[in-house]
Amino acid sequence: MQFDDDAELDTSEVRDVRGSRVPGGRATVGGGIAGLIALFLGLLFGVGPDQLGLTDSGDEPSASSSSPAQVQESCRTGKDANAREDCRTVAVVNSVQDYWRQEFPRRQGRYTPARTVLFTGRVGTACGAASSAVGPFYCPGDRQVYLDLGFFRELRTNFGARGGPFAQAYVVAHEYGHHVQNLMGTLRRAQDGRTGEDSDAVRVELQADCYAGVWAHHATRTPAESGRPLITRLTDEDVRDGLDAAAAVGDDRIQERYQGRGTPESWTHGSARQRQEWFQQGFRTGDMARCDTFR
């Protein structure tokens, strides 16, 4: 995946609070093994820790404002995105939102942007305070995506994914898929508490995978404010890295890795094969209408 070296990045779409201290109560989900258990329970790529009761006892509603603002200082152009992981995240957020801003009006809708918050350790959100153990998530309460960049290392070391820039882009695009669902009113269908391979929770997650594929289909053709696409190259190898990441976080793959067998009745995100298939559906068609996982 390659970005236009001369493109200007919009850092206003990313809030960098890495290294900030968030006041509040003690987090109920810690790192290490607790984090792996949290992922196993289906928090990975979830829609907020509050829905599974994994929040702090504190009442801090948002991330601390004492930010080192690293991305604002260092992430100016596509050249920076080609060189730095955090700047690459900014560029992917820009590209994903450029696409949805242009797609919604074509469907008689209006896209409302969502910021990504980069944090380390713990963060406060409108969905409650959470540790980085919950993985990347979208909070519908404040319409923000939350991401600890250390997760991408965990994706490789603990879940066996190959990694790579587009594997990271897939994660970000998936979370923005939840934002699209929130704007369209479909996200609430995951909140009935049911689990299982045919549950609405799984269907919501697979649809977000499909939306990530739709963005990827258009990524090298979606013009930024400059009139040129921010992403200039997306290779077959990039797409394979994304599919590999999708498979690595399938419910069956996680369960087999940590409990030795799959239990489909407890699935919340779908199998490795399902996640790959729905991403491919979006990538092949480029049509969000073909992402109806509820049919």
C-alpha atoms as a PDB file:
ATOM      1  CA  MET A   1       0.000   0.000   0.000  1.00  0.00           C
ATOM      2  CA  GLN A   2       1.454   3.319  -1.087  1.00  0.00           C
ATOM      3  CA  PHE A   3       0.338   6.879  -0.358  1.00  0.00           C
ATOM      4  CA  ASP A   4       0.820   9.954  -2.512  1.00  0.00           C
ATOM      5  CA  ASP A   5       3.994  11.505  -1.087  1.00  0.00           C
ATOM      6  CA  ASP A   6       2.757  15.032  -1.767  1.00  0.00           C
ATOM      7  CA  ALA A   7      -0.742  14.626  -0.361  1.00  0.00           C
ATOM      8  CA  GLU A   8      -1.619  16.669   2.718  1.00  0.00           C
ATOM      9  CA  LEU A   9      -2.952  14.723   5.693  1.00  0.00           C
ATOM     10  CA  ASP A  10      -5.893  15.961   7.761  1.00  0.00           C
ATOM     11  CA  THR A  11      -4.761  15.343  11.330  1.00  0.00           C
ATOM     12  CA  SER A  12      -7.983  16.859  12.715  1.00  0.00           C
ATOM     13  CA  GLU A  13      -9.596  13.462  12.088  1.00  0.00           C
ATOM     14  CA  VAL A  14      -7.270  11.787  14.601  1.00  0.00           C
ATOM     15  CA  ARG A  15      -6.873  12.694  18.260  1.00  0.00           C
ATOM     16  CA  ASP A  16      -3.578  11.596  19.754  1.00  0.00           C
ATOM     17  CA  VAL A  17      -3.718  11.030  23.516  1.00  0.00           C
ATOM     18  CA  ARG A  18      -0.922   8.475  23.717  1.00  0.00           C
ATOM     19  CA  GLY A  19       0.913   8.823  26.985  1.00  0.00           C
ATOM     20  CA  SER A  20      -1.909  10.771  28.602  1.00  0.00           C
ATOM     21  CA  ARG A  21      -3.224   9.793  31.986  1.00  0.00           C
ATOM     22  CA  VAL A  22      -6.950   9.155  32.158  1.00  0.00           C
ATOM     23  CA  PRO A  23      -8.547   9.689  35.581  1.00  0.00           C
ATOM     24  CA  GLY A  24     -11.212   7.305  36.800  1.00  0.00           C
ATOM     25  CA  GLY A  25     -11.664   3.987  38.577  1.00  0.00           C
ATOM     26  CA  ARG A  26      -9.688   0.817  38.186  1.00  0.00           C
ATOM     27  CA  ALA A  27     -10.104  -0.902  34.827  1.00  0.00           C
ATOM     28  CA  THR A  28     -11.761  -4.311  35.014  1.00  0.00           C
ATOM     29  CA  VAL A  29      -9.906  -5.595  31.956  1.00  0.00           C
ATOM     30  CA  GLY A  30      -6.129  -5.628  32.136  1.00  0.00           C
ATOM     31  CA  GLY A  31      -3.394  -6.475  29.688  1.00  0.00           C
ATOM     32  CA  GLY A  32      -1.626  -9.745  28.991  1.00  0.00           C
ATOM     33  CA  ILE A  33      -3.723 -12.871  29.555  1.00  0.00           C
ATOM     34  CA  ALA A  34      -6.745 -10.830  30.587  1.00  0.00           C
ATOM     35  CA  GLY A  35      -6.529  -9.075  27.263  1.00  0.00           C
ATOM     36  CA  LEU A  36      -6.459 -12.361  25.387  1.00  0.00           C
ATOM     37  CA  ILE A  37      -9.504 -13.551  27.317  1.00  0.00           C
ATOM     38  CA  ALA A  38     -11.254 -10.304  26.434  1.00  0.00           C
ATOM     39  CA  LEU A  39     -10.512 -10.864  22.775  1.00  0.00           C
ATOM     40  CA  PHE A  40     -11.635 -14.479  23.040  1.00  0.00           C
ATOM     41  CA  LEU A  41     -14.948 -13.340  24.491  1.00  0.00           C
ATOM     42  CA  GLY A  42     -15.599 -11.344  21.369  1.00  0.00           C
ATOM     43  CA  LEU A  43     -14.467  -7.843  22.211  1.00  0.00           C
ATOM     44  CA  LEU A  44     -12.104  -7.687  19.267  1.00  0.00           C
ATOM     45  CA  PHE A  45     -13.514  -5.271  16.693  1.00  0.00           C
ATOM     46  CA  GLY A  46     -16.492  -4.712  18.974  1.00  0.00           C
ATOM     47  CA  VAL A  47     -18.717  -1.689  19.259  1.00  0.00           C
ATOM     48  CA  GLY A  48     -17.747  -0.613  22.765  1.00  0.00           C
ATOM     49  CA  PRO A  49     -16.710  -2.210  26.056  1.00  0.00           C
ATOM     50  CA  ASP A  50     -19.885  -1.112  27.846  1.00  0.00           C
ATOM     51  CA  GLN A  51     -21.991  -3.668  25.995  1.00  0.00           C
ATOM     52  CA  LEU A  52     -20.176  -6.491  27.767  1.00  0.00           C
ATOM     53  CA  GLY A  53     -19.811  -4.736  31.108  1.00  0.00           C
ATOM     54  CA  LEU A  54     -16.069  -4.240  30.691  1.00  0.00           C
ATOM     55  CA  THR A  55     -15.819  -0.635  31.808  1.00  0.00           C
ATOM     56  CA  ASP A  56     -14.214   1.200  34.677  1.00  0.00           C
ATOM     57  CA  SER A  57     -15.990   2.222  37.836  1.00  0.00           C
ATOM     58  CA  GLY A  58     -14.936   5.802  37.164  1.00  0.00           C
ATOM     59  CA  ASP A  59     -17.122   8.347  35.432  1.00  0.00           C
ATOM     60  CA  GLU A  60     -14.594  10.054  33.190  1.00  0.00           C
ATOM     61  CA  PRO A  61     -16.518  10.612  29.926  1.00  0.00           C
ATOM     62  CA  SER A  62     -13.673  11.270  27.529  1.00  0.00           C
ATOM     63  CA  ALA A  63      -9.952  10.912  26.989  1.00  0.00           C
ATOM     64  CA  SER A  64      -7.618  13.234  28.861  1.00  0.00           C
ATOM     65  CA  SER A  65      -6.878  16.469  27.063  1.00  0.00           C
ATOM     66  CA  SER A  66      -3.191  16.495  28.072  1.00  0.00           C
ATOM     67  CA  SER A  67      -2.114  15.131  24.699  1.00  0.00           C
ATOM     68  CA  PRO A  68       1.424  14.942  23.331  1.00  0.00           C
ATOM     69  CA  ALA A  69      -0.204  15.528  19.901  1.00  0.00           C
ATOM     70  CA  GLN A  70       2.425  13.507  18.081  1.00  0.00           C
ATOM     71  CA  VAL A  71       0.441  13.059  14.890  1.00  0.00           C
ATOM     72  CA  GLN A  72      -0.384  16.751  14.656  1.00  0.00           C
ATOM     73  CA  GLU A  73       3.305  17.593  14.758  1.00  0.00           C
ATOM     74  CA  SER A  74       4.732  14.762  12.663  1.00  0.00           C
ATOM     75  CA  CYS A  75       2.091  13.615  10.184  1.00  0.00           C
ATOM     76  CA  ARG A  76       1.892  16.259   7.483  1.00  0.00           C
ATOM     77  CA  THR A  77       2.030  14.436   4.155  1.00  0.00           C
ATOM     78  CA  GLY A  78       1.636  11.101   2.441  1.00  0.00           C
ATOM     79  CA  LYS A  79       5.417  10.778   2.610  1.00  0.00           C
ATOM     80  CA  ASP A  80       5.105  10.716   6.398  1.00  0.00           C
ATOM     81  CA  ALA A  81       2.394   8.052   6.078  1.00  0.00           C
ATOM     82  CA  ASN A  82       4.720   5.907   3.996  1.00  0.00           C
ATOM     83  CA  ALA A  83       7.359   6.130   6.720  1.00  0.00           C
ATOM     84  CA  ARG A  84       5.487   6.037  10.060  1.00  0.00           C
ATOM     85  CA  GLU A  85       2.815   3.734  11.489  1.00  0.00           C
ATOM     86  CA  ASP A  86       0.876   6.460  13.280  1.00  0.00           C
ATOM     87  CA  CYS A  87       0.913   8.691  10.199  1.00  0.00           C
ATOM     88  CA  ARG A  88      -0.253   5.734   8.123  1.00  0.00           C
ATOM     89  CA  THR A  89      -3.225   5.443  10.453  1.00  0.00           C
ATOM     90  CA  VAL A  90      -4.031   9.106   9.863  1.00  0.00           C
ATOM     91  CA  ALA A  91      -3.852   8.573   6.109  1.00  0.00           C
ATOM     92  CA  VAL A  92      -6.111   5.506   6.221  1.00  0.00           C
ATOM     93  CA  VAL A  93      -8.659   7.368   8.351  1.00  0.00           C
ATOM     94  CA  ASN A  94      -8.587  10.216   5.813  1.00  0.00           C
ATOM     95  CA  SER A  95      -9.022   7.840   2.879  1.00  0.00           C
ATOM     96  CA  VAL A  96     -11.846   5.852   4.477  1.00  0.00           C
ATOM     97  CA  GLN A  97     -13.758   9.014   5.366  1.00  0.00           C
ATOM     98  CA  ASP A  98     -13.123  10.575   1.964  1.00  0.00           C
ATOM     99  CA  TYR A  99     -14.860   7.554   0.459  1.00  0.00           C
ATOM    100  CA  TRP A 100     -17.887   7.565   2.775  1.00  0.00           C
ATOM    101  CA  ARG A 101     -18.295  11.341   2.451  1.00  0.00           C
ATOM    102  CA  GLN A 102     -18.682  10.848  -1.284  1.00  0.00           C
ATOM    103  CA  GLU A 103     -20.731   7.644  -1.127  1.00  0.00           C
ATOM    104  CA  PHE A 104     -23.477   8.787   1.257  1.00  0.00           C
ATOM    105  CA  PRO A 105     -24.751  11.646  -0.977  1.00  0.00           C
ATOM    106  CA  ARG A 106     -24.952   9.191  -3.880  1.00  0.00           C
ATOM    107  CA  ARG A 107     -27.456   7.311  -1.731  1.00  0.00           C
ATOM    108  CA  GLN A 108     -29.346  10.422  -0.620  1.00  0.00           C
ATOM    109  CA  GLY A 109     -27.650  10.438   2.739  1.00  0.00           C
ATOM    110  CA  ARG A 110     -25.223  12.616   4.669  1.00  0.00           C
ATOM    111  CA  TYR A 111     -22.028  11.312   6.190  1.00  0.00           C
ATOM    112  CA  THR A 112     -20.981  12.682   9.575  1.00  0.00           C
ATOM    113  CA  PRO A 113     -17.228  12.237  10.170  1.00  0.00           C
ATOM    114  CA  ALA A 114     -15.889  10.316  13.162  1.00  0.00           C
ATOM    115  CA  ARG A 115     -12.517  10.841  14.809  1.00  0.00           C
ATOM    116  CA  THR A 116     -10.050   8.122  15.690  1.00  0.00           C
ATOM    117  CA  VAL A 117      -8.462   8.398  19.138  1.00  0.00           C
ATOM    118  CA  LEU A 118      -4.957   6.955  19.469  1.00  0.00           C
ATOM    119  CA  PHE A 119      -4.243   5.951  23.065  1.00  0.00           C
ATOM    120  CA  THR A 120      -1.959   3.795  25.165  1.00  0.00           C
ATOM    121  CA  GLY A 121      -2.961   1.680  28.124  1.00  0.00           C
ATOM    122  CA  ARG A 122      -6.357   3.066  29.050  1.00  0.00           C
ATOM    123  CA  VAL A 123      -8.845   5.568  27.708  1.00  0.00           C
ATOM    124  CA  GLY A 124     -12.124   7.139  28.767  1.00  0.00           C
ATOM    125  CA  THR A 125     -15.024   7.163  26.322  1.00  0.00           C
ATOM    126  CA  ALA A 126     -18.735   7.873  26.278  1.00  0.00           C
ATOM    127  CA  CYS A 127     -19.110   4.077  26.435  1.00  0.00           C
ATOM    128  CA  GLY A 128     -17.059   3.913  29.625  1.00  0.00           C
ATOM    129  CA  ALA A 129     -13.358   3.704  30.396  1.00  0.00           C
ATOM    130  CA  ALA A 130     -11.498   0.791  28.838  1.00  0.00           C
ATOM    131  CA  SER A 131      -8.014  -0.680  28.691  1.00  0.00           C
ATOM    132  CA  SER A 132      -6.172  -1.469  25.495  1.00  0.00           C
ATOM    133  CA  ALA A 133      -6.919  -5.149  26.181  1.00  0.00           C
ATOM    134  CA  VAL A 134     -10.317  -4.758  24.553  1.00  0.00           C
ATOM    135  CA  GLY A 135      -8.680  -4.177  21.176  1.00  0.00           C
ATOM    136  CA  PRO A 136      -9.800  -1.534  18.677  1.00  0.00           C
ATOM    137  CA  PHE A 137     -13.425  -0.508  19.088  1.00  0.00           C
ATOM    138  CA  TYR A 138     -16.029   2.007  17.992  1.00  0.00           C
ATOM    139  CA  CYS A 139     -18.085   3.835  20.607  1.00  0.00           C
ATOM    140  CA  PRO A 140     -21.507   4.887  19.273  1.00  0.00           C
ATOM    141  CA  GLY A 141     -21.999   7.185  22.276  1.00  0.00           C
ATOM    142  CA  ASP A 142     -19.353   9.658  21.120  1.00  0.00           C
ATOM    143  CA  ARG A 143     -18.992   8.416  17.527  1.00  0.00           C
ATOM    144  CA  GLN A 144     -15.277   7.818  17.820  1.00  0.00           C
ATOM    145  CA  VAL A 145     -12.943   4.931  16.987  1.00  0.00           C
ATOM    146  CA  TYR A 146     -10.427   3.978  19.684  1.00  0.00           C
ATOM    147  CA  LEU A 147      -7.112   2.360  18.829  1.00  0.00           C
ATOM    148  CA  ASP A 148      -3.950   1.432  20.699  1.00  0.00           C
ATOM    149  CA  LEU A 149      -1.337   0.907  17.983  1.00  0.00           C
ATOM    150  CA  GLY A 150       0.221  -1.836  20.111  1.00  0.00           C
ATOM    151  CA  PHE A 151      -2.697  -4.011  19.006  1.00  0.00           C
ATOM    152  CA  PHE A 152      -1.074  -4.540  15.628  1.00  0.00           C
ATOM    153  CA  ARG A 153       1.879  -6.206  17.331  1.00  0.00           C
ATOM    154  CA  GLU A 154      -0.553  -8.414  19.266  1.00  0.00           C
ATOM    155  CA  LEU A 155      -2.245  -9.326  15.991  1.00  0.00           C
ATOM    156  CA  ARG A 156       1.020 -10.821  14.780  1.00  0.00           C
ATOM    157  CA  THR A 157       2.461 -12.299  17.969  1.00  0.00           C
ATOM    158  CA  ASN A 158      -0.681 -13.636  19.664  1.00  0.00           C
ATOM    159  CA  PHE A 159      -3.007 -14.318  16.756  1.00  0.00           C
ATOM    160  CA  GLY A 160      -0.593 -15.436  14.070  1.00  0.00           C
ATOM    161  CA  ALA A 161      -1.450 -12.825  11.440  1.00  0.00           C
ATOM    162  CA  ARG A 162       1.252 -11.833   8.960  1.00  0.00           C
ATOM    163  CA  GLY A 163       0.605  -8.161   9.609  1.00  0.00           C
ATOM    164  CA  GLY A 164       1.564  -5.482   7.126  1.00  0.00           C
ATOM    165  CA  PRO A 165       0.247  -1.986   6.371  1.00  0.00           C
ATOM    166  CA  PHE A 166      -2.972  -3.142   4.754  1.00  0.00           C
ATOM    167  CA  ALA A 167      -3.773  -5.530   7.613  1.00  0.00           C
ATOM    168  CA  GLN A 168      -3.749  -2.411   9.788  1.00  0.00           C
ATOM    169  CA  ALA A 169      -5.845  -0.515   7.253  1.00  0.00           C
ATOM    170  CA  TYR A 170      -8.412  -3.326   7.300  1.00  0.00           C
ATOM    171  CA  VAL A 171      -8.771  -2.948  11.080  1.00  0.00           C
ATOM    172  CA  VAL A 172      -9.370   0.799  10.788  1.00  0.00           C
ATOM    173  CA  ALA A 173     -11.797   0.410   7.874  1.00  0.00           C
ATOM    174  CA  HIS A 174     -13.748  -2.234   9.817  1.00  0.00           C
ATOM    175  CA  GLU A 175     -14.227   0.137  12.738  1.00  0.00           C
ATOM    176  CA  TYR A 176     -15.448   2.849  10.392  1.00  0.00           C
ATOM    177  CA  GLY A 177     -17.841   0.240   9.037  1.00  0.00           C
ATOM    178  CA  HIS A 178     -19.436   0.315  12.489  1.00  0.00           C
ATOM    179  CA  HIS A 179     -19.695   4.085  12.249  1.00  0.00           C
ATOM    180  CA  VAL A 180     -21.484   3.732   8.913  1.00  0.00           C
ATOM    181  CA  GLN A 181     -23.850   1.239  10.557  1.00  0.00           C
ATOM    182  CA  ASN A 182     -24.472   3.671  13.394  1.00  0.00           C
ATOM    183  CA  LEU A 183     -25.371   6.454  10.962  1.00  0.00           C
ATOM    184  CA  MET A 184     -27.695   4.095   9.083  1.00  0.00           C
ATOM    185  CA  GLY A 185     -29.374   2.744  12.221  1.00  0.00           C
ATOM    186  CA  THR A 186     -28.281  -0.887  11.795  1.00  0.00           C
ATOM    187  CA  LEU A 187     -25.710  -0.972  14.595  1.00  0.00           C
ATOM    188  CA  ARG A 188     -28.366  -1.265  17.286  1.00  0.00           C
ATOM    189  CA  ARG A 189     -29.278  -4.711  15.970  1.00  0.00           C
ATOM    190  CA  ALA A 190     -26.170  -6.106  17.687  1.00  0.00           C
ATOM    191  CA  GLN A 191     -27.319  -5.010  21.126  1.00  0.00           C
ATOM    192  CA  ASP A 192     -29.853  -7.720  21.958  1.00  0.00           C
ATOM    193  CA  GLY A 193     -27.230  -9.777  23.814  1.00  0.00           C
ATOM    194  CA  ARG A 194     -27.607 -12.875  21.648  1.00  0.00           C
ATOM    195  CA  THR A 195     -24.572 -14.794  20.443  1.00  0.00           C
ATOM    196  CA  GLY A 196     -24.087 -17.571  17.922  1.00  0.00           C
ATOM    197  CA  GLU A 197     -23.220 -17.978  14.271  1.00  0.00           C
ATOM    198  CA  ASP A 198     -26.667 -16.759  13.144  1.00  0.00           C
ATOM    199  CA  SER A 199     -26.968 -13.918  15.666  1.00  0.00           C
ATOM    200  CA  ASP A 200     -27.366 -10.267  14.746  1.00  0.00           C
ATOM    201  CA  ALA A 201     -24.090  -9.576  16.563  1.00  0.00           C
ATOM    202  CA  VAL A 202     -22.252 -11.730  14.033  1.00  0.00           C
ATOM    203  CA  ARG A 203     -24.177 -10.233  11.111  1.00  0.00           C
ATOM    204  CA  VAL A 204     -23.215  -6.702  12.221  1.00  0.00           C
ATOM    205  CA  GLU A 205     -19.536  -7.650  12.387  1.00  0.00           C
ATOM    206  CA  LEU A 206     -19.567  -9.362   8.992  1.00  0.00           C
ATOM    207  CA  GLN A 207     -21.259  -6.341   7.449  1.00  0.00           C
ATOM    208  CA  ALA A 208     -18.494  -4.114   8.847  1.00  0.00           C
ATOM    209  CA  ASP A 209     -15.975  -6.460   7.188  1.00  0.00           C
ATOM    210  CA  CYS A 210     -17.871  -6.074   3.914  1.00  0.00           C
ATOM    211  CA  TYR A 211     -17.893  -2.280   4.233  1.00  0.00           C
ATOM    212  CA  ALA A 212     -14.118  -2.406   4.765  1.00  0.00           C
ATOM    213  CA  GLY A 213     -13.875  -4.312   1.489  1.00  0.00           C
ATOM    214  CA  VAL A 214     -16.066  -1.757  -0.291  1.00  0.00           C
ATOM    215  CA  TRP A 215     -13.708   1.030   0.777  1.00  0.00           C
ATOM    216  CA  ALA A 216     -10.683  -1.009  -0.348  1.00  0.00           C
ATOM    217  CA  HIS A 217     -12.293  -1.512  -3.778  1.00  0.00           C
ATOM    218  CA  HIS A 218     -12.462   2.257  -4.250  1.00  0.00           C
ATOM    219  CA  ALA A 219      -9.368   3.292  -2.262  1.00  0.00           C
ATOM    220  CA  THR A 220      -7.080   4.054  -5.207  1.00  0.00           C
ATOM    221  CA  ARG A 221      -9.848   5.911  -7.078  1.00  0.00           C
ATOM    222  CA  THR A 222     -11.349   8.039  -4.304  1.00  0.00           C
ATOM    223  CA  PRO A 223     -10.141  11.624  -4.686  1.00  0.00           C
ATOM    224  CA  ALA A 224      -9.025  13.532  -1.628  1.00  0.00           C
ATOM    225  CA  GLU A 225      -9.451  17.292  -1.237  1.00  0.00           C
ATOM    226  CA  SER A 226      -6.518  17.757  -3.600  1.00  0.00           C
ATOM    227  CA  GLY A 227      -8.470  16.008  -6.343  1.00  0.00           C
ATOM    228  CA  ARG A 228      -6.045  13.051  -6.383  1.00  0.00           C
ATOM    229  CA  PRO A 229      -6.463   9.742  -4.513  1.00  0.00           C
ATOM    230  CA  LEU A 230      -4.538   9.617  -1.255  1.00  0.00           C
ATOM    231  CA  ILE A 231      -3.738   5.922  -1.811  1.00  0.00           C
ATOM    232  CA  THR A 232      -1.885   5.430  -5.074  1.00  0.00           C
ATOM    233  CA  ARG A 233      -1.178   1.698  -4.966  1.00  0.00           C
ATOM    234  CA  LEU A 234      -2.910  -1.341  -3.466  1.00  0.00           C
ATOM    235  CA  THR A 235      -1.424  -4.686  -4.486  1.00  0.00           C
ATOM    236  CA  ASP A 236      -2.737  -8.241  -4.445  1.00  0.00           C
ATOM    237  CA  GLU A 237      -0.280  -8.913  -1.607  1.00  0.00           C
ATOM    238  CA  ASP A 238      -1.832  -6.080   0.397  1.00  0.00           C
ATOM    239  CA  VAL A 239      -5.276  -7.601  -0.026  1.00  0.00           C
ATOM    240  CA  ARG A 240      -3.952 -11.015   1.025  1.00  0.00           C
ATOM    241  CA  ASP A 241      -2.568  -9.402   4.205  1.00  0.00           C
ATOM    242  CA  GLY A 242      -6.022  -7.983   4.912  1.00  0.00           C
ATOM    243  CA  LEU A 243      -7.689 -11.348   4.359  1.00  0.00           C
ATOM    244  CA  ASP A 244      -5.098 -13.004   6.577  1.00  0.00           C
ATOM    245  CA  ALA A 245      -5.858 -10.532   9.372  1.00  0.00           C
ATOM    246  CA  ALA A 246      -9.603 -11.135   8.965  1.00  0.00           C
ATOM    247  CA  ALA A 247      -9.078 -14.881   9.305  1.00  0.00           C
ATOM    248  CA  ALA A 248      -6.770 -14.515  12.312  1.00  0.00           C
ATOM    249  CA  VAL A 249      -9.552 -12.869  14.332  1.00  0.00           C
ATOM    250  CA  GLY A 250     -12.337 -15.226  13.336  1.00  0.00           C
ATOM    251  CA  ASP A 251     -14.190 -16.596  16.362  1.00  0.00           C
ATOM    252  CA  ASP A 252     -13.375 -20.186  15.445  1.00  0.00           C
ATOM    253  CA  ARG A 253      -9.675 -19.433  14.995  1.00  0.00           C
ATOM    254  CA  ILE A 254      -9.465 -17.651  18.360  1.00  0.00           C
ATOM    255  CA  GLN A 255     -11.411 -20.366  20.174  1.00  0.00           C
ATOM    256  CA  GLU A 256      -9.366 -23.190  18.688  1.00  0.00           C
ATOM    257  CA  ARG A 257      -6.173 -21.365  19.618  1.00  0.00           C
ATOM    258  CA  TYR A 258      -7.117 -20.733  23.245  1.00  0.00           C
ATOM    259  CA  GLN A 259      -9.594 -23.443  24.195  1.00  0.00           C
ATOM    260  CA  GLY A 260      -8.774 -26.164  21.681  1.00  0.00           C
ATOM    261  CA  ARG A 261     -12.165 -26.273  19.956  1.00  0.00           C
ATOM    262  CA  GLY A 262     -14.756 -24.000  18.402  1.00  0.00           C
ATOM    263  CA  THR A 263     -18.115 -23.307  20.028  1.00  0.00           C
ATOM    264  CA  PRO A 264     -20.318 -21.641  17.376  1.00  0.00           C
ATOM    265  CA  GLU A 265     -23.103 -20.938  19.870  1.00  0.00           C
ATOM    266  CA  SER A 266     -20.875 -18.344  21.549  1.00  0.00           C
ATOM    267  CA  TRP A 267     -19.676 -16.571  18.411  1.00  0.00           C
ATOM    268  CA  THR A 268     -19.964 -12.795  18.265  1.00  0.00           C
ATOM    269  CA  HIS A 269     -17.933 -11.932  15.155  1.00  0.00           C
ATOM    270  CA  GLY A 270     -18.097 -14.854  12.732  1.00  0.00           C
ATOM    271  CA  SER A 271     -15.720 -17.545  11.569  1.00  0.00           C
ATOM    272  CA  ALA A 272     -12.446 -16.949   9.778  1.00  0.00           C
ATOM    273  CA  ARG A 273     -14.006 -18.083   6.501  1.00  0.00           C
ATOM    274  CA  GLN A 274     -17.055 -15.845   6.932  1.00  0.00           C
ATOM    275  CA  ARG A 275     -14.935 -12.802   7.690  1.00  0.00           C
ATOM    276  CA  GLN A 276     -12.809 -13.368   4.639  1.00  0.00           C
ATOM    277  CA  GLU A 277     -15.824 -14.020   2.409  1.00  0.00           C
ATOM    278  CA  TRP A 278     -17.627 -10.851   3.421  1.00  0.00           C
ATOM    279  CA  PHE A 279     -14.525  -8.697   3.030  1.00  0.00           C
ATOM    280  CA  GLN A 280     -14.069 -10.220  -0.419  1.00  0.00           C
ATOM    281  CA  GLN A 281     -17.727  -9.560  -1.228  1.00  0.00           C
ATOM    282  CA  GLY A 282     -17.233  -5.862  -0.553  1.00  0.00           C
ATOM    283  CA  PHE A 283     -13.879  -5.722  -2.310  1.00  0.00           C
ATOM    284  CA  ARG A 284     -15.121  -7.566  -5.397  1.00  0.00           C
ATOM    285  CA  THR A 285     -18.343  -5.595  -5.880  1.00  0.00           C
ATOM    286  CA  GLY A 286     -17.489  -2.183  -4.413  1.00  0.00           C
ATOM    287  CA  ASP A 287     -21.190  -1.890  -3.591  1.00  0.00           C
ATOM    288  CA  MET A 288     -22.398  -1.431  -0.021  1.00  0.00           C
ATOM    289  CA  ALA A 289     -25.832  -2.666  -1.100  1.00  0.00           C
ATOM    290  CA  ARG A 290     -24.220  -6.083  -1.572  1.00  0.00           C
ATOM    291  CA  CYS A 291     -23.271  -6.112   2.127  1.00  0.00           C
ATOM    292  CA  ASP A 292     -26.698  -7.094   3.454  1.00  0.00           C
ATOM    293  CA  THR A 293     -25.683  -9.780   5.942  1.00  0.00           C
ATOM    294  CA  PHE A 294     -29.180  -9.751   7.472  1.00  0.00           C
ATOM    295  CA  ARG A 295     -30.849 -11.340   4.459  1.00  0.00           C
END
